[in-house]
C-alpha atoms as a PDB file:
ATOM      1  CA  GLN A   1       7.193  14.193  11.626  1.00  0.00           C
ATOM      2  CA  VAL A   2       6.484  11.943   8.661  1.00  0.00           C
ATOM      3  CA  GLN A   3       3.231  12.546   6.816  1.00  0.00           C
ATOM      4  CA  LEU A   4       1.726  10.043   4.408  1.00  0.00           C
ATOM      5  CA  VAL A   5      -0.798  10.811   1.670  1.00  0.00           C
ATOM      6  CA  GLU A   6      -2.391   7.931  -0.227  1.00  0.00           C
ATOM      7  CA  SER A   7      -4.216   8.348  -3.533  1.00  0.00           C
ATOM      8  CA  GLY A   8      -5.432   6.448  -6.572  1.00  0.00           C
ATOM      9  CA  GLY A   9      -8.332   4.481  -5.167  1.00  0.00           C
ATOM     10  CA  GLY A  10     -11.751   4.213  -6.757  1.00  0.00           C
ATOM     11  CA  LEU A  11     -14.537   1.949  -7.920  1.00  0.00           C
ATOM     12  CA  VAL A  12     -13.558  -0.766 -10.370  1.00  0.00           C
ATOM     13  CA  GLN A  13     -15.213  -3.873 -11.777  1.00  0.00           C
ATOM     14  CA  PRO A  14     -13.894  -7.346 -10.924  1.00  0.00           C
ATOM     15  CA  GLY A  15     -10.877  -8.114 -13.073  1.00  0.00           C
ATOM     16  CA  GLY A  16      -9.950  -4.464 -13.348  1.00  0.00           C
ATOM     17  CA  SER A  17      -6.809  -2.626 -12.290  1.00  0.00           C
ATOM     18  CA  LEU A  18      -5.828   0.319 -10.140  1.00  0.00           C
ATOM     19  CA  ARG A  19      -2.523   1.949  -9.232  1.00  0.00           C
ATOM     20  CA  LEU A  20      -2.208   3.412  -5.777  1.00  0.00           C
ATOM     21  CA  SER A  21       0.364   5.997  -4.766  1.00  0.00           C
ATOM     22  CA  CYS A  22       1.663   7.044  -1.375  1.00  0.00           C
ATOM     23  CA  ALA A  23       3.707  10.205  -0.987  1.00  0.00           C
ATOM     24  CA  ALA A  24       5.783  10.633   2.156  1.00  0.00           C
ATOM     25  CA  SER A  25       7.168  13.867   3.571  1.00  0.00           C
ATOM     26  CA  GLY A  26       9.064  14.890   6.679  1.00  0.00           C
ATOM     27  CA  GLY A  27      11.448  11.957   6.932  1.00  0.00           C
ATOM     28  CA  ILE A  28      14.275  10.047   5.297  1.00  0.00           C
ATOM     29  CA  PHE A  29      12.128   7.865   3.075  1.00  0.00           C
ATOM     30  CA  SER A  30      14.971   5.822   1.626  1.00  0.00           C
ATOM     31  CA  TRP A  31      16.043   4.550   5.064  1.00  0.00           C
ATOM     32  CA  TYR A  32      12.885   2.535   5.567  1.00  0.00           C
ATOM     33  CA  ALA A  33      11.064  -0.420   4.193  1.00  0.00           C
ATOM     34  CA  MET A  34       7.596   0.548   2.987  1.00  0.00           C
ATOM     35  CA  GLY A  35       4.387  -1.361   3.336  1.00  0.00           C
ATOM     36  CA  TRP A  36       0.890  -1.241   1.914  1.00  0.00           C
ATOM     37  CA  TYR A  37      -1.873  -2.243   4.292  1.00  0.00           C
ATOM     38  CA  ARG A  38      -5.617  -2.536   3.942  1.00  0.00           C
ATOM     39  CA  GLN A  39      -8.617  -2.594   6.220  1.00  0.00           C
ATOM     40  CA  ALA A  40     -11.951  -3.971   5.128  1.00  0.00           C
ATOM     41  CA  PRO A  41     -15.166  -3.137   6.997  1.00  0.00           C
ATOM     42  CA  GLY A  42     -15.352  -5.048  10.260  1.00  0.00           C
ATOM     43  CA  LYS A  43     -11.860  -6.469   9.878  1.00  0.00           C
ATOM     44  CA  GLN A  44      -8.436  -5.687  11.252  1.00  0.00           C
ATOM     45  CA  ARG A  45      -5.865  -3.862   9.191  1.00  0.00           C
ATOM     46  CA  GLU A  46      -3.621  -6.321   7.367  1.00  0.00           C
ATOM     47  CA  LEU A  47      -0.263  -6.059   5.640  1.00  0.00           C
ATOM     48  CA  VAL A  48      -0.587  -6.554   1.896  1.00  0.00           C
ATOM     49  CA  ALA A  49       2.899  -5.918   0.523  1.00  0.00           C
ATOM     50  CA  THR A  50       6.345  -4.774   1.649  1.00  0.00           C
ATOM     51  CA  ILE A  51       9.304  -3.383  -0.253  1.00  0.00           C
ATOM     52  CA  ARG A  52      12.651  -3.099   1.508  1.00  0.00           C
ATOM     53  CA  THR A  53      15.349  -0.511   0.995  1.00  0.00           C
ATOM     54  CA  GLY A  54      17.198  -2.822  -1.378  1.00  0.00           C
ATOM     55  CA  GLY A  55      14.096  -3.458  -3.449  1.00  0.00           C
ATOM     56  CA  SER A  56      13.178  -6.953  -2.298  1.00  0.00           C
ATOM     57  CA  THR A  57       9.454  -7.515  -1.868  1.00  0.00           C
ATOM     58  CA  ASN A  58       6.976  -9.681   0.028  1.00  0.00           C
ATOM     59  CA  TYR A  59       3.271 -10.167  -0.547  1.00  0.00           C
ATOM     60  CA  ALA A  60       0.342 -11.575   1.339  1.00  0.00           C
ATOM     61  CA  GLY A  61      -0.778 -14.853  -0.155  1.00  0.00           C
ATOM     62  CA  SER A  62      -4.138 -13.393  -1.124  1.00  0.00           C
ATOM     63  CA  VAL A  63      -2.563 -10.832  -3.490  1.00  0.00           C
ATOM     64  CA  LYS A  64       0.579 -12.597  -4.680  1.00  0.00           C
ATOM     65  CA  GLY A  65       0.748 -12.645  -8.453  1.00  0.00           C
ATOM     66  CA  ARG A  66      -1.821  -9.868  -8.781  1.00  0.00           C
ATOM     67  CA  PHE A  67      -0.312  -6.913  -6.912  1.00  0.00           C
ATOM     68  CA  THR A  68       3.101  -5.303  -7.407  1.00  0.00           C
ATOM     69  CA  ILE A  69       4.730  -2.897  -4.971  1.00  0.00           C
ATOM     70  CA  SER A  70       7.410  -0.471  -6.123  1.00  0.00           C
ATOM     71  CA  ARG A  71       9.115   2.642  -4.847  1.00  0.00           C
ATOM     72  CA  ASP A  72      10.724   5.807  -6.170  1.00  0.00           C
ATOM     73  CA  ASN A  73      13.093   7.163  -3.533  1.00  0.00           C
ATOM     74  CA  ALA A  74      13.727  10.342  -5.509  1.00  0.00           C
ATOM     75  CA  LYS A  75      10.020  11.159  -5.252  1.00  0.00           C
ATOM     76  CA  ASN A  76       9.530   9.740  -1.736  1.00  0.00           C
ATOM     77  CA  THR A  77       6.704   7.688  -3.185  1.00  0.00           C
ATOM     78  CA  VAL A  78       5.628   4.051  -3.021  1.00  0.00           C
ATOM     79  CA  TYR A  79       3.180   2.495  -5.463  1.00  0.00           C
ATOM     80  CA  LEU A  80       0.862  -0.493  -5.502  1.00  0.00           C
ATOM     81  CA  GLN A  81      -0.181  -1.795  -8.903  1.00  0.00           C
ATOM     82  CA  MET A  82      -3.279  -3.925  -8.439  1.00  0.00           C
ATOM     83  CA  ASN A  83      -4.433  -6.189 -11.256  1.00  0.00           C
ATOM     84  CA  SER A  84      -7.163  -8.819 -11.527  1.00  0.00           C
ATOM     85  CA  LEU A  85      -9.028  -7.157  -8.693  1.00  0.00           C
ATOM     86  CA  LYS A  86     -11.614  -9.159  -6.764  1.00  0.00           C
ATOM     87  CA  PRO A  87     -14.541  -8.041  -4.603  1.00  0.00           C
ATOM     88  CA  GLU A  88     -12.620  -9.248  -1.546  1.00  0.00           C
ATOM     89  CA  ASP A  89      -9.942  -6.635  -2.292  1.00  0.00           C
ATOM     90  CA  THR A  90     -12.444  -3.953  -1.300  1.00  0.00           C
ATOM     91  CA  ALA A  91     -10.928  -1.991   1.585  1.00  0.00           C
ATOM     92  CA  VAL A  92      -9.292   1.255   2.599  1.00  0.00           C
ATOM     93  CA  TYR A  93      -5.631   1.040   1.626  1.00  0.00           C
ATOM     94  CA  TYR A  94      -2.867   2.662   3.660  1.00  0.00           C
ATOM     95  CA  CYS A  95       0.896   2.868   3.437  1.00  0.00           C
ATOM     96  CA  ASN A  96       3.482   3.220   6.150  1.00  0.00           C
ATOM     97  CA  LEU A  97       7.199   3.103   6.827  1.00  0.00           C
ATOM     98  CA  GLN A  98       8.565   0.052   8.627  1.00  0.00           C
ATOM     99  CA  ASP A  99      11.585  -0.226  10.893  1.00  0.00           C
ATOM    100  CA  SER A 100      13.975  -3.175  10.827  1.00  0.00           C
ATOM    101  CA  VAL A 101      11.492  -5.456  12.613  1.00  0.00           C
ATOM    102  CA  GLY A 102       8.444  -4.388  10.647  1.00  0.00           C
ATOM    103  CA  THR A 103       6.984  -1.970  13.171  1.00  0.00           C
ATOM    104  CA  ILE A 104       5.313   1.052  11.622  1.00  0.00           C
ATOM    105  CA  VAL A 105       7.026   4.341  12.351  1.00  0.00           C
ATOM    106  CA  ALA A 106       4.639   7.050  11.167  1.00  0.00           C
ATOM    107  CA  PRO A 107       1.100   8.170  11.914  1.00  0.00           C
ATOM    108  CA  TRP A 108      -1.449   6.616   9.575  1.00  0.00           C
ATOM    109  CA  GLY A 109      -2.655   8.740   6.683  1.00  0.00           C
ATOM    110  CA  GLN A 110      -6.250   9.039   5.576  1.00  0.00           C
ATOM    111  CA  GLY A 111      -6.009   6.043   3.271  1.00  0.00           C
ATOM    112  CA  THR A 112      -7.604   5.591  -0.125  1.00  0.00           C
ATOM    113  CA  GLN A 113     -10.797   3.622  -0.714  1.00  0.00           C
ATOM    114  CA  VAL A 114     -10.743   0.757  -3.196  1.00  0.00           C
ATOM    115  CA  SER A 115     -14.105  -0.745  -4.103  1.00  0.00           C
ATOM    116  CA  VAL A 116     -14.398  -3.731  -6.425  1.00  0.00           C
ATOM    117  CA  SER A 117     -17.935  -4.367  -7.571  1.00  0.00           C
ATOM    118  CA  SER A 118     -19.938  -5.067 -10.708  1.00  0.00           C
END
């Protein structure tokens, strides 16, 4: 069964940057699109960014131009570079594999907390 471990979160001031990592094990990572999701307190989990097997990407409007998703299939790892962070980016960030219609295919990991505050 696929296991996902997110890391790289922390406390950062507005305008700062963070790079998140997600390491996957137990599956054929390169077969799947990968997504980064986030869940803020009191809100539903939302999709932030997706990278497909061929490398094409999509972003939520709220992060477009500030966040960059990338993947390293040799390391079974997906990254999220977050720049120009805003307080509204504060959330627990998760990654997951997506099938051909965008449905997640693995149990959620523990996530990594990102807090943006002065």
